[in-house]
Amino acid sequence: MAKGVDLWAGEEVLELKASGRDDIKLIAAVPYKNTADRWPSAWRYLYRKIISGADEVHYTSEKYYSFVYKARDQWMVNNSSRVLACYEGIPGGTEYTINYALSLGKEVVYI
């Protein structure tokens, strides 16, 4: 549930579900309760749309703390059998998440 690919992917899942795909679920992994409060209005609108259409919402924390995004990423990997990654080779959270998944023997699919 971060701006960019996360929200795009959530929107795609909502569209699949609306087209009759009831064999998939949308689980929104949110770093902390007020994640989108300071985002521009267009991003907040999309965030709320996805949250309201999600089958489940998991909040890693009630409040922000310095490693909350890392904790969210770990939760996603720990609760997945496979990781789909949009990755351009830039160091950061996506790279960390991929490496964490690989360290646990999870399959990583690059899209």
PDB file of N, CA and C in Angstrom:
ATOM      1  N   MET A   1       0.822  -1.188   0.000  1.00  0.00           N
ATOM      2  CA  MET A   1       0.000   0.000   0.000  1.00  0.00           C
ATOM      3  C   MET A   1       0.870   1.257   0.000  1.00  0.00           C
ATOM      4  N   ALA A   2       1.852   1.254  -0.879  1.00  0.00           N
ATOM      5  CA  ALA A   2       2.679   2.440  -1.087  1.00  0.00           C
ATOM      6  C   ALA A   2       2.314   3.058  -2.427  1.00  0.00           C
ATOM      7  N   LYS A   3       2.616   4.359  -2.566  1.00  0.00           N
ATOM      8  CA  LYS A   3       2.361   5.027  -3.842  1.00  0.00           C
ATOM      9  C   LYS A   3       3.166   4.326  -4.931  1.00  0.00           C
ATOM     10  N   GLY A   4       2.573   4.196  -6.088  1.00  0.00           N
ATOM     11  CA  GLY A   4       3.283   3.596  -7.216  1.00  0.00           C
ATOM     12  C   GLY A   4       2.787   2.199  -7.514  1.00  0.00           C
ATOM     13  N   VAL A   5       3.711   1.271  -7.647  1.00  0.00           N
ATOM     14  CA  VAL A   5       3.394  -0.090  -8.071  1.00  0.00           C
ATOM     15  C   VAL A   5       2.415  -0.777  -7.122  1.00  0.00           C
ATOM     16  N   ASP A   6       2.558  -0.554  -5.828  1.00  0.00           N
ATOM     17  CA  ASP A   6       1.652  -1.208  -4.874  1.00  0.00           C
ATOM     18  C   ASP A   6       0.192  -0.843  -5.157  1.00  0.00           C
ATOM     19  N   LEU A   7      -0.062   0.450  -5.328  1.00  0.00           N
ATOM     20  CA  LEU A   7      -1.439   0.871  -5.585  1.00  0.00           C
ATOM     21  C   LEU A   7      -1.905   0.439  -6.974  1.00  0.00           C
ATOM     22  N   TRP A   8      -1.016   0.468  -7.939  1.00  0.00           N
ATOM     23  CA  TRP A   8      -1.355  -0.032  -9.283  1.00  0.00           C
ATOM     24  C   TRP A   8      -1.769  -1.499  -9.200  1.00  0.00           C
ATOM     25  N   ALA A   9      -0.988  -2.305  -8.486  1.00  0.00           N
ATOM     26  CA  ALA A   9      -1.296  -3.730  -8.368  1.00  0.00           C
ATOM     27  C   ALA A   9      -2.625  -3.938  -7.640  1.00  0.00           C
ATOM     28  N   GLY A  10      -2.866  -3.165  -6.589  1.00  0.00           N
ATOM     29  CA  GLY A  10      -4.138  -3.267  -5.884  1.00  0.00           C
ATOM     30  C   GLY A  10      -5.309  -2.940  -6.782  1.00  0.00           C
ATOM     31  N   GLU A  11      -5.144  -1.914  -7.600  1.00  0.00           N
ATOM     32  CA  GLU A  11      -6.189  -1.520  -8.530  1.00  0.00           C
ATOM     33  C   GLU A  11      -6.450  -2.632  -9.557  1.00  0.00           C
ATOM     34  N   GLU A  12      -5.388  -3.275 -10.021  1.00  0.00           N
ATOM     35  CA  GLU A  12      -5.526  -4.375 -10.986  1.00  0.00           C
ATOM     36  C   GLU A  12      -6.293  -5.547 -10.364  1.00  0.00           C
ATOM     37  N   VAL A  13      -5.995  -5.864  -9.109  1.00  0.00           N
ATOM     38  CA  VAL A  13      -6.703  -6.953  -8.434  1.00  0.00           C
ATOM     39  C   VAL A  13      -8.180  -6.607  -8.277  1.00  0.00           C
ATOM     40  N   LEU A  14      -8.484  -5.358  -7.917  1.00  0.00           N
ATOM     41  CA  LEU A  14      -9.883  -4.949  -7.801  1.00  0.00           C
ATOM     42  C   LEU A  14     -10.610  -5.104  -9.132  1.00  0.00           C
ATOM     43  N   GLU A  15      -9.944  -4.770 -10.235  1.00  0.00           N
ATOM     44  CA  GLU A  15     -10.556  -4.926 -11.559  1.00  0.00           C
ATOM     45  C   GLU A  15     -10.798  -6.396 -11.884  1.00  0.00           C
ATOM     46  N   LEU A  16      -9.852  -7.254 -11.550  1.00  0.00           N
ATOM     47  CA  LEU A  16     -10.042  -8.689 -11.777  1.00  0.00           C
ATOM     48  C   LEU A  16     -11.230  -9.210 -10.970  1.00  0.00           C
ATOM     49  N   LYS A  17     -11.305  -8.789  -9.709  1.00  0.00           N
ATOM     50  CA  LYS A  17     -12.413  -9.222  -8.863  1.00  0.00           C
ATOM     51  C   LYS A  17     -13.752  -8.732  -9.418  1.00  0.00           C
ATOM     52  N   ALA A  18     -13.775  -7.496  -9.924  1.00  0.00           N
ATOM     53  CA  ALA A  18     -15.005  -6.927 -10.489  1.00  0.00           C
ATOM     54  C   ALA A  18     -15.439  -7.656 -11.754  1.00  0.00           C
ATOM     55  N   SER A  19     -14.484  -8.270 -12.446  1.00  0.00           N
ATOM     56  CA  SER A  19     -14.806  -8.998 -13.673  1.00  0.00           C
ATOM     57  C   SER A  19     -15.263 -10.431 -13.392  1.00  0.00           C
ATOM     58  N   GLY A  20     -15.377 -10.779 -12.115  1.00  0.00           N
ATOM     59  CA  GLY A  20     -15.891 -12.098 -11.772  1.00  0.00           C
ATOM     60  C   GLY A  20     -14.868 -13.061 -11.214  1.00  0.00           C
ATOM     61  N   ARG A  21     -13.633 -12.632 -11.081  1.00  0.00           N
ATOM     62  CA  ARG A  21     -12.602 -13.512 -10.524  1.00  0.00           C
ATOM     63  C   ARG A  21     -12.761 -13.581  -9.009  1.00  0.00           C
ATOM     64  N   ASP A  22     -13.478 -14.594  -8.535  1.00  0.00           N
ATOM     65  CA  ASP A  22     -13.656 -14.735  -7.096  1.00  0.00           C
ATOM     66  C   ASP A  22     -12.654 -15.711  -6.483  1.00  0.00           C
ATOM     67  N   ASP A  23     -11.684 -16.130  -7.293  1.00  0.00           N
ATOM     68  CA  ASP A  23     -10.666 -17.061  -6.806  1.00  0.00           C
ATOM     69  C   ASP A  23      -9.418 -16.341  -6.299  1.00  0.00           C
ATOM     70  N   ILE A  24      -9.422 -15.014  -6.302  1.00  0.00           N
ATOM     71  CA  ILE A  24      -8.288 -14.257  -5.792  1.00  0.00           C
ATOM     72  C   ILE A  24      -8.755 -13.327  -4.680  1.00  0.00           C
ATOM     73  N   LYS A  25      -7.813 -12.985  -3.809  1.00  0.00           N
ATOM     74  CA  LYS A  25      -8.110 -12.080  -2.704  1.00  0.00           C
ATOM     75  C   LYS A  25      -7.133 -10.926  -2.730  1.00  0.00           C
ATOM     76  N   LEU A  26      -7.605  -9.795  -2.272  1.00  0.00           N
ATOM     77  CA  LEU A  26      -6.754  -8.623  -2.126  1.00  0.00           C
ATOM     78  C   LEU A  26      -6.506  -8.400  -0.643  1.00  0.00           C
ATOM     79  N   ILE A  27      -5.265  -8.563  -0.244  1.00  0.00           N
ATOM     80  CA  ILE A  27      -4.868  -8.319   1.135  1.00  0.00           C
ATOM     81  C   ILE A  27      -3.959  -7.095   1.124  1.00  0.00           C
ATOM     82  N   ALA A  28      -4.400  -6.039   1.746  1.00  0.00           N
ATOM     83  CA  ALA A  28      -3.649  -4.788   1.782  1.00  0.00           C
ATOM     84  C   ALA A  28      -2.728  -4.797   2.999  1.00  0.00           C
ATOM     85  N   ALA A  29      -1.429  -4.716   2.738  1.00  0.00           N
ATOM     86  CA  ALA A  29      -0.431  -4.655   3.810  1.00  0.00           C
ATOM     87  C   ALA A  29      -0.031  -3.198   3.994  1.00  0.00           C
ATOM     88  N   VAL A  30      -0.498  -2.601   5.082  1.00  0.00           N
ATOM     89  CA  VAL A  30      -0.311  -1.174   5.329  1.00  0.00           C
ATOM     90  C   VAL A  30       0.726  -0.996   6.438  1.00  0.00           C
ATOM     91  N   PRO A  31       1.727  -0.145   6.205  1.00  0.00           N
ATOM     92  CA  PRO A  31       2.766   0.020   7.229  1.00  0.00           C
ATOM     93  C   PRO A  31       2.228   0.504   8.575  1.00  0.00           C
ATOM     94  N   TYR A  32       1.407   1.547   8.558  1.00  0.00           N
ATOM     95  CA  TYR A  32       0.840   2.073   9.807  1.00  0.00           C
ATOM     96  C   TYR A  32      -0.483   2.761   9.498  1.00  0.00           C
ATOM     97  N   LYS A  33      -1.300   2.931  10.512  1.00  0.00           N
ATOM     98  CA  LYS A  33      -2.679   3.380  10.345  1.00  0.00           C
ATOM     99  C   LYS A  33      -2.850   4.637   9.493  1.00  0.00           C
ATOM    100  N   ASN A  34      -2.041   5.654   9.683  1.00  0.00           N
ATOM    101  CA  ASN A  34      -2.214   6.921   8.978  1.00  0.00           C
ATOM    102  C   ASN A  34      -1.263   7.083   7.794  1.00  0.00           C
ATOM    103  N   THR A  35      -0.910   5.995   7.170  1.00  0.00           N
ATOM    104  CA  THR A  35       0.067   6.008   6.083  1.00  0.00           C
ATOM    105  C   THR A  35      -0.227   7.075   5.032  1.00  0.00           C
ATOM    106  N   ALA A  36      -1.448   7.193   4.582  1.00  0.00           N
ATOM    107  CA  ALA A  36      -1.775   8.063   3.445  1.00  0.00           C
ATOM    108  C   ALA A  36      -2.233   9.465   3.834  1.00  0.00           C
ATOM    109  N   ASP A  37      -2.225   9.790   5.103  1.00  0.00           N
ATOM    110  CA  ASP A  37      -2.776  11.079   5.545  1.00  0.00           C
ATOM    111  C   ASP A  37      -2.131  12.298   4.893  1.00  0.00           C
ATOM    112  N   ARG A  38      -0.861  12.242   4.587  1.00  0.00           N
ATOM    113  CA  ARG A  38      -0.159  13.405   4.024  1.00  0.00           C
ATOM    114  C   ARG A  38       0.077  13.288   2.522  1.00  0.00           C
ATOM    115  N   TRP A  39      -0.500  12.300   1.904  1.00  0.00           N
ATOM    116  CA  TRP A  39      -0.344  12.129   0.465  1.00  0.00           C
ATOM    117  C   TRP A  39      -1.222  13.141  -0.276  1.00  0.00           C
ATOM    118  N   PRO A  40      -0.856  13.447  -1.526  1.00  0.00           N
ATOM    119  CA  PRO A  40      -1.745  14.275  -2.357  1.00  0.00           C
ATOM    120  C   PRO A  40      -3.113  13.606  -2.506  1.00  0.00           C
ATOM    121  N   SER A  41      -4.136  14.398  -2.736  1.00  0.00           N
ATOM    122  CA  SER A  41      -5.513  13.893  -2.729  1.00  0.00           C
ATOM    123  C   SER A  41      -5.757  12.762  -3.727  1.00  0.00           C
ATOM    124  N   ALA A  42      -5.163  12.808  -4.901  1.00  0.00           N
ATOM    125  CA  ALA A  42      -5.376  11.742  -5.887  1.00  0.00           C
ATOM    126  C   ALA A  42      -4.858  10.401  -5.369  1.00  0.00           C
ATOM    127  N   TRP A  43      -3.706  10.407  -4.704  1.00  0.00           N
ATOM    128  CA  TRP A  43      -3.163   9.171  -4.127  1.00  0.00           C
ATOM    129  C   TRP A  43      -4.032   8.686  -2.962  1.00  0.00           C
ATOM    130  N   ARG A  44      -4.507   9.628  -2.124  1.00  0.00           N
ATOM    131  CA  ARG A  44      -5.375   9.243  -1.005  1.00  0.00           C
ATOM    132  C   ARG A  44      -6.664   8.609  -1.510  1.00  0.00           C
ATOM    133  N   TYR A  45      -7.219   9.160  -2.587  1.00  0.00           N
ATOM    134  CA  TYR A  45      -8.439   8.600  -3.170  1.00  0.00           C
ATOM    135  C   TYR A  45      -8.206   7.160  -3.603  1.00  0.00           C
ATOM    136  N   LEU A  46      -7.122   6.894  -4.313  1.00  0.00           N
ATOM    137  CA  LEU A  46      -6.817   5.547  -4.781  1.00  0.00           C
ATOM    138  C   LEU A  46      -6.561   4.600  -3.598  1.00  0.00           C
ATOM    139  N   TYR A  47      -5.834   5.092  -2.603  1.00  0.00           N
ATOM    140  CA  TYR A  47      -5.560   4.316  -1.394  1.00  0.00           C
ATOM    141  C   TYR A  47      -6.872   3.875  -0.736  1.00  0.00           C
ATOM    142  N   ARG A  48      -7.779   4.827  -0.541  1.00  0.00           N
ATOM    143  CA  ARG A  48      -9.063   4.515   0.109  1.00  0.00           C
ATOM    144  C   ARG A  48      -9.898   3.545  -0.726  1.00  0.00           C
ATOM    145  N   LYS A  49      -9.860   3.720  -2.044  1.00  0.00           N
ATOM    146  CA  LYS A  49     -10.585   2.812  -2.933  1.00  0.00           C
ATOM    147  C   LYS A  49     -10.087   1.375  -2.763  1.00  0.00           C
ATOM    148  N   ILE A  50      -8.795   1.215  -2.699  1.00  0.00           N
ATOM    149  CA  ILE A  50      -8.229  -0.126  -2.558  1.00  0.00           C
ATOM    150  C   ILE A  50      -8.513  -0.691  -1.171  1.00  0.00           C
ATOM    151  N   ILE A  51      -8.341   0.114  -0.146  1.00  0.00           N
ATOM    152  CA  ILE A  51      -8.633  -0.344   1.225  1.00  0.00           C
ATOM    153  C   ILE A  51     -10.087  -0.788   1.331  1.00  0.00           C
ATOM    154  N   SER A  52     -10.999  -0.016   0.757  1.00  0.00           N
ATOM    155  CA  SER A  52     -12.421  -0.354   0.875  1.00  0.00           C
ATOM    156  C   SER A  52     -12.777  -1.612   0.088  1.00  0.00           C
ATOM    157  N   GLY A  53     -12.009  -1.942  -0.950  1.00  0.00           N
ATOM    158  CA  GLY A  53     -12.286  -3.133  -1.734  1.00  0.00           C
ATOM    159  C   GLY A  53     -11.491  -4.349  -1.320  1.00  0.00           C
ATOM    160  N   ALA A  54     -10.596  -4.173  -0.363  1.00  0.00           N
ATOM    161  CA  ALA A  54      -9.734  -5.286   0.063  1.00  0.00           C
ATOM    162  C   ALA A  54     -10.520  -6.328   0.850  1.00  0.00           C
ATOM    163  N   ASP A  55     -10.120  -7.565   0.691  1.00  0.00           N
ATOM    164  CA  ASP A  55     -10.715  -8.653   1.470  1.00  0.00           C
ATOM    165  C   ASP A  55     -10.202  -8.644   2.905  1.00  0.00           C
ATOM    166  N   GLU A  56      -8.988  -8.131   3.062  1.00  0.00           N
ATOM    167  CA  GLU A  56      -8.363  -8.073   4.387  1.00  0.00           C
ATOM    168  C   GLU A  56      -7.395  -6.896   4.386  1.00  0.00           C
ATOM    169  N   VAL A  57      -7.291  -6.213   5.514  1.00  0.00           N
ATOM    170  CA  VAL A  57      -6.319  -5.138   5.673  1.00  0.00           C
ATOM    171  C   VAL A  57      -5.459  -5.467   6.884  1.00  0.00           C
ATOM    172  N   HIS A  58      -4.156  -5.505   6.663  1.00  0.00           N
ATOM    173  CA  HIS A  58      -3.213  -5.772   7.755  1.00  0.00           C
ATOM    174  C   HIS A  58      -2.398  -4.513   8.019  1.00  0.00           C
ATOM    175  N   TYR A  59      -2.519  -3.964   9.223  1.00  0.00           N
ATOM    176  CA  TYR A  59      -1.716  -2.817   9.637  1.00  0.00           C
ATOM    177  C   TYR A  59      -0.546  -3.334  10.452  1.00  0.00           C
ATOM    178  N   THR A  60       0.670  -3.018  10.001  1.00  0.00           N
ATOM    179  CA  THR A  60       1.866  -3.455  10.715  1.00  0.00           C
ATOM    180  C   THR A  60       1.980  -2.767  12.063  1.00  0.00           C
ATOM    181  N   SER A  61       1.558  -1.516  12.124  1.00  0.00           N
ATOM    182  CA  SER A  61       1.683  -0.739  13.354  1.00  0.00           C
ATOM    183  C   SER A  61       0.571   0.304  13.438  1.00  0.00           C
ATOM    184  N   GLU A  62       0.281   0.729  14.630  1.00  0.00           N
ATOM    185  CA  GLU A  62      -0.662   1.827  14.834  1.00  0.00           C
ATOM    186  C   GLU A  62      -0.029   3.154  14.412  1.00  0.00           C
ATOM    187  N   LYS A  63       1.280   3.298  14.657  1.00  0.00           N
ATOM    188  CA  LYS A  63       1.974   4.555  14.408  1.00  0.00           C
ATOM    189  C   LYS A  63       3.264   4.318  13.626  1.00  0.00           C
ATOM    190  N   TYR A  64       3.755   5.396  13.026  1.00  0.00           N
ATOM    191  CA  TYR A  64       5.018   5.346  12.298  1.00  0.00           C
ATOM    192  C   TYR A  64       6.177   5.135  13.259  1.00  0.00           C
ATOM    193  N   TYR A  65       7.139   4.338  12.851  1.00  0.00           N
ATOM    194  CA  TYR A  65       8.444   4.239  13.513  1.00  0.00           C
ATOM    195  C   TYR A  65       9.465   3.942  12.426  1.00  0.00           C
ATOM    196  N   SER A  66      10.738   4.074  12.728  1.00  0.00           N
ATOM    197  CA  SER A  66      11.758   4.084  11.686  1.00  0.00           C
ATOM    198  C   SER A  66      11.831   2.816  10.835  1.00  0.00           C
ATOM    199  N   PHE A  67      11.470   1.665  11.347  1.00  0.00           N
ATOM    200  CA  PHE A  67      11.563   0.434  10.569  1.00  0.00           C
ATOM    201  C   PHE A  67      10.202  -0.145  10.187  1.00  0.00           C
ATOM    202  N   VAL A  68       9.168   0.682  10.200  1.00  0.00           N
ATOM    203  CA  VAL A  68       7.817   0.185   9.959  1.00  0.00           C
ATOM    204  C   VAL A  68       7.656  -0.364   8.534  1.00  0.00           C
ATOM    205  N   TYR A  69       8.320   0.245   7.561  1.00  0.00           N
ATOM    206  CA  TYR A  69       8.214  -0.255   6.183  1.00  0.00           C
ATOM    207  C   TYR A  69       8.922  -1.598   6.036  1.00  0.00           C
ATOM    208  N   LYS A  70      10.058  -1.732   6.705  1.00  0.00           N
ATOM    209  CA  LYS A  70      10.780  -3.008   6.693  1.00  0.00           C
ATOM    210  C   LYS A  70       9.936  -4.097   7.358  1.00  0.00           C
ATOM    211  N   ALA A  71       9.293  -3.765   8.462  1.00  0.00           N
ATOM    212  CA  ALA A  71       8.422  -4.730   9.144  1.00  0.00           C
ATOM    213  C   ALA A  71       7.253  -5.130   8.255  1.00  0.00           C
ATOM    214  N   ARG A  72       6.683  -4.164   7.527  1.00  0.00           N
ATOM    215  CA  ARG A  72       5.585  -4.465   6.593  1.00  0.00           C
ATOM    216  C   ARG A  72       6.076  -5.406   5.491  1.00  0.00           C
ATOM    217  N   ASP A  73       7.251  -5.098   4.935  1.00  0.00           N
ATOM    218  CA  ASP A  73       7.815  -5.938   3.879  1.00  0.00           C
ATOM    219  C   ASP A  73       8.056  -7.363   4.370  1.00  0.00           C
ATOM    220  N   GLN A  74       8.578  -7.495   5.574  1.00  0.00           N
ATOM    221  CA  GLN A  74       8.805  -8.828   6.143  1.00  0.00           C
ATOM    222  C   GLN A  74       7.483  -9.567   6.321  1.00  0.00           C
ATOM    223  N   TRP A  75       6.460  -8.872   6.785  1.00  0.00           N
ATOM    224  CA  TRP A  75       5.149  -9.505   6.962  1.00  0.00           C
ATOM    225  C   TRP A  75       4.632 -10.026   5.625  1.00  0.00           C
ATOM    226  N   MET A  76       4.769  -9.203   4.579  1.00  0.00           N
ATOM    227  CA  MET A  76       4.294  -9.635   3.258  1.00  0.00           C
ATOM    228  C   MET A  76       5.020 -10.886   2.792  1.00  0.00           C
ATOM    229  N   VAL A  77       6.332 -10.904   2.926  1.00  0.00           N
ATOM    230  CA  VAL A  77       7.109 -12.070   2.495  1.00  0.00           C
ATOM    231  C   VAL A  77       6.771 -13.283   3.353  1.00  0.00           C
ATOM    232  N   ASN A  78       6.705 -13.095   4.652  1.00  0.00           N
ATOM    233  CA  ASN A  78       6.413 -14.215   5.561  1.00  0.00           C
ATOM    234  C   ASN A  78       5.051 -14.834   5.290  1.00  0.00           C
ATOM    235  N   ASN A  79       4.138 -14.072   4.739  1.00  0.00           N
ATOM    236  CA  ASN A  79       2.780 -14.546   4.490  1.00  0.00           C
ATOM    237  C   ASN A  79       2.507 -14.813   3.017  1.00  0.00           C
ATOM    238  N   SER A  80       3.567 -15.020   2.255  1.00  0.00           N
ATOM    239  CA  SER A  80       3.443 -15.278   0.816  1.00  0.00           C
ATOM    240  C   SER A  80       4.197 -16.542   0.431  1.00  0.00           C
ATOM    241  N   SER A  81       3.738 -17.177  -0.611  1.00  0.00           N
ATOM    242  CA  SER A  81       4.473 -18.326  -1.142  1.00  0.00           C
ATOM    243  C   SER A  81       5.358 -17.904  -2.309  1.00  0.00           C
ATOM    244  N   ARG A  82       5.080 -16.723  -2.851  1.00  0.00           N
ATOM    245  CA  ARG A  82       5.807 -16.215  -4.017  1.00  0.00           C
ATOM    246  C   ARG A  82       5.790 -14.696  -3.949  1.00  0.00           C
ATOM    247  N   VAL A  83       6.868 -14.084  -4.453  1.00  0.00           N
ATOM    248  CA  VAL A  83       6.956 -12.625  -4.476  1.00  0.00           C
ATOM    249  C   VAL A  83       7.018 -12.173  -5.923  1.00  0.00           C
ATOM    250  N   LEU A  84       6.109 -11.276  -6.295  1.00  0.00           N
ATOM    251  CA  LEU A  84       6.149 -10.636  -7.603  1.00  0.00           C
ATOM    252  C   LEU A  84       6.823  -9.291  -7.400  1.00  0.00           C
ATOM    253  N   ALA A  85       7.879  -9.026  -8.170  1.00  0.00           N
ATOM    254  CA  ALA A  85       8.658  -7.817  -7.951  1.00  0.00           C
ATOM    255  C   ALA A  85       8.794  -6.993  -9.219  1.00  0.00           C
ATOM    256  N   CYS A  86       8.501  -5.712  -9.092  1.00  0.00           N
ATOM    257  CA  CYS A  86       8.811  -4.736 -10.135  1.00  0.00           C
ATOM    258  C   CYS A  86      10.068  -4.046  -9.648  1.00  0.00           C
ATOM    259  N   TYR A  87      11.194  -4.387 -10.243  1.00  0.00           N
ATOM    260  CA  TYR A  87      12.478  -3.933  -9.716  1.00  0.00           C
ATOM    261  C   TYR A  87      13.389  -3.501 -10.849  1.00  0.00           C
ATOM    262  N   GLU A  88      13.952  -2.292 -10.712  1.00  0.00           N
ATOM    263  CA  GLU A  88      14.823  -1.724 -11.736  1.00  0.00           C
ATOM    264  C   GLU A  88      16.285  -1.683 -11.308  1.00  0.00           C
ATOM    265  N   GLY A  89      16.631  -2.376 -10.223  1.00  0.00           N
ATOM    266  CA  GLY A  89      18.019  -2.408  -9.787  1.00  0.00           C
ATOM    267  C   GLY A  89      18.423  -1.267  -8.874  1.00  0.00           C
ATOM    268  N   ILE A  90      17.466  -0.490  -8.417  1.00  0.00           N
ATOM    269  CA  ILE A  90      17.761   0.644  -7.544  1.00  0.00           C
ATOM    270  C   ILE A  90      17.765   0.163  -6.087  1.00  0.00           C
ATOM    271  N   PRO A  91      18.840   0.439  -5.347  1.00  0.00           N
ATOM    272  CA  PRO A  91      18.888   0.025  -3.942  1.00  0.00           C
ATOM    273  C   PRO A  91      17.737   0.637  -3.144  1.00  0.00           C
ATOM    274  N   GLY A  92      17.225  -0.116  -2.195  1.00  0.00           N
ATOM    275  CA  GLY A  92      16.146   0.387  -1.347  1.00  0.00           C
ATOM    276  C   GLY A  92      15.249  -0.725  -0.860  1.00  0.00           C
ATOM    277  N   GLY A  93      13.999  -0.353  -0.570  1.00  0.00           N
ATOM    278  CA  GLY A  93      13.057  -1.290   0.034  1.00  0.00           C
ATOM    279  C   GLY A  93      12.724  -2.485  -0.836  1.00  0.00           C
ATOM    280  N   THR A  94      12.578  -2.280  -2.136  1.00  0.00           N
ATOM    281  CA  THR A  94      12.259  -3.404  -3.017  1.00  0.00           C
ATOM    282  C   THR A  94      13.425  -4.383  -3.051  1.00  0.00           C
ATOM    283  N   GLU A  95      14.628  -3.867  -3.153  1.00  0.00           N
ATOM    284  CA  GLU A  95      15.815  -4.730  -3.146  1.00  0.00           C
ATOM    285  C   GLU A  95      15.896  -5.519  -1.838  1.00  0.00           C
ATOM    286  N   TYR A  96      15.674  -4.834  -0.716  1.00  0.00           N
ATOM    287  CA  TYR A  96      15.687  -5.515   0.579  1.00  0.00           C
ATOM    288  C   TYR A  96      14.648  -6.635   0.614  1.00  0.00           C
ATOM    289  N   THR A  97      13.454  -6.341   0.147  1.00  0.00           N
ATOM    290  CA  THR A  97      12.368  -7.319   0.187  1.00  0.00           C
ATOM    291  C   THR A  97      12.695  -8.537  -0.676  1.00  0.00           C
ATOM    292  N   ILE A  98      13.236  -8.311  -1.853  1.00  0.00           N
ATOM    293  CA  ILE A  98      13.639  -9.419  -2.726  1.00  0.00           C
ATOM    294  C   ILE A  98      14.691 -10.274  -2.032  1.00  0.00           C
ATOM    295  N   ASN A  99      15.718  -9.645  -1.482  1.00  0.00           N
ATOM    296  CA  ASN A  99      16.775 -10.397  -0.803  1.00  0.00           C
ATOM    297  C   ASN A  99      16.252 -11.151   0.414  1.00  0.00           C
ATOM    298  N   TYR A 100      15.337 -10.539   1.131  1.00  0.00           N
ATOM    299  CA  TYR A 100      14.735 -11.214   2.286  1.00  0.00           C
ATOM    300  C   TYR A 100      13.964 -12.443   1.828  1.00  0.00           C
ATOM    301  N   ALA A 101      13.185 -12.293   0.766  1.00  0.00           N
ATOM    302  CA  ALA A 101      12.417 -13.425   0.235  1.00  0.00           C
ATOM    303  C   ALA A 101      13.347 -14.544  -0.214  1.00  0.00           C
ATOM    304  N   LEU A 102      14.398 -14.198  -0.926  1.00  0.00           N
ATOM    305  CA  LEU A 102      15.349 -15.216  -1.397  1.00  0.00           C
ATOM    306  C   LEU A 102      16.036 -15.906  -0.231  1.00  0.00           C
ATOM    307  N   SER A 103      16.330 -15.163   0.830  1.00  0.00           N
ATOM    308  CA  SER A 103      16.986 -15.766   2.004  1.00  0.00           C
ATOM    309  C   SER A 103      16.091 -16.798   2.684  1.00  0.00           C
ATOM    310  N   LEU A 104      14.781 -16.672   2.477  1.00  0.00           N
ATOM    311  CA  LEU A 104      13.826 -17.637   3.043  1.00  0.00           C
ATOM    312  C   LEU A 104      13.468 -18.736   2.053  1.00  0.00           C
ATOM    313  N   GLY A 105      14.086 -18.700   0.873  1.00  0.00           N
ATOM    314  CA  GLY A 105      13.802 -19.711  -0.140  1.00  0.00           C
ATOM    315  C   GLY A 105      12.509 -19.482  -0.900  1.00  0.00           C
ATOM    316  N   LYS A 106      11.998 -18.267  -0.855  1.00  0.00           N
ATOM    317  CA  LYS A 106      10.761 -17.951  -1.574  1.00  0.00           C
ATOM    318  C   LYS A 106      11.060 -17.723  -3.057  1.00  0.00           C
ATOM    319  N   GLU A 107      10.126 -18.075  -3.902  1.00  0.00           N
ATOM    320  CA  GLU A 107      10.257 -17.805  -5.322  1.00  0.00           C
ATOM    321  C   GLU A 107      10.027 -16.313  -5.560  1.00  0.00           C
ATOM    322  N   VAL A 108      10.890 -15.693  -6.349  1.00  0.00           N
ATOM    323  CA  VAL A 108      10.737 -14.292  -6.728  1.00  0.00           C
ATOM    324  C   VAL A 108      10.549 -14.235  -8.225  1.00  0.00           C
ATOM    325  N   VAL A 109       9.446 -13.644  -8.661  1.00  0.00           N
ATOM    326  CA  VAL A 109       9.130 -13.493 -10.078  1.00  0.00           C
ATOM    327  C   VAL A 109       9.233 -12.006 -10.402  1.00  0.00           C
ATOM    328  N   TYR A 110      10.076 -11.664 -11.376  1.00  0.00           N
ATOM    329  CA  TYR A 110      10.273 -10.268 -11.769  1.00  0.00           C
ATOM    330  C   TYR A 110       9.294  -9.935 -12.895  1.00  0.00           C
ATOM    331  N   ILE A 111       8.533  -8.861 -12.701  1.00  0.00           N
ATOM    332  CA  ILE A 111       7.579  -8.448 -13.739  1.00  0.00           C
ATOM    333  C   ILE A 111       7.862  -7.015 -14.146  1.00  0.00           C
TER     334      ILE A 111
END
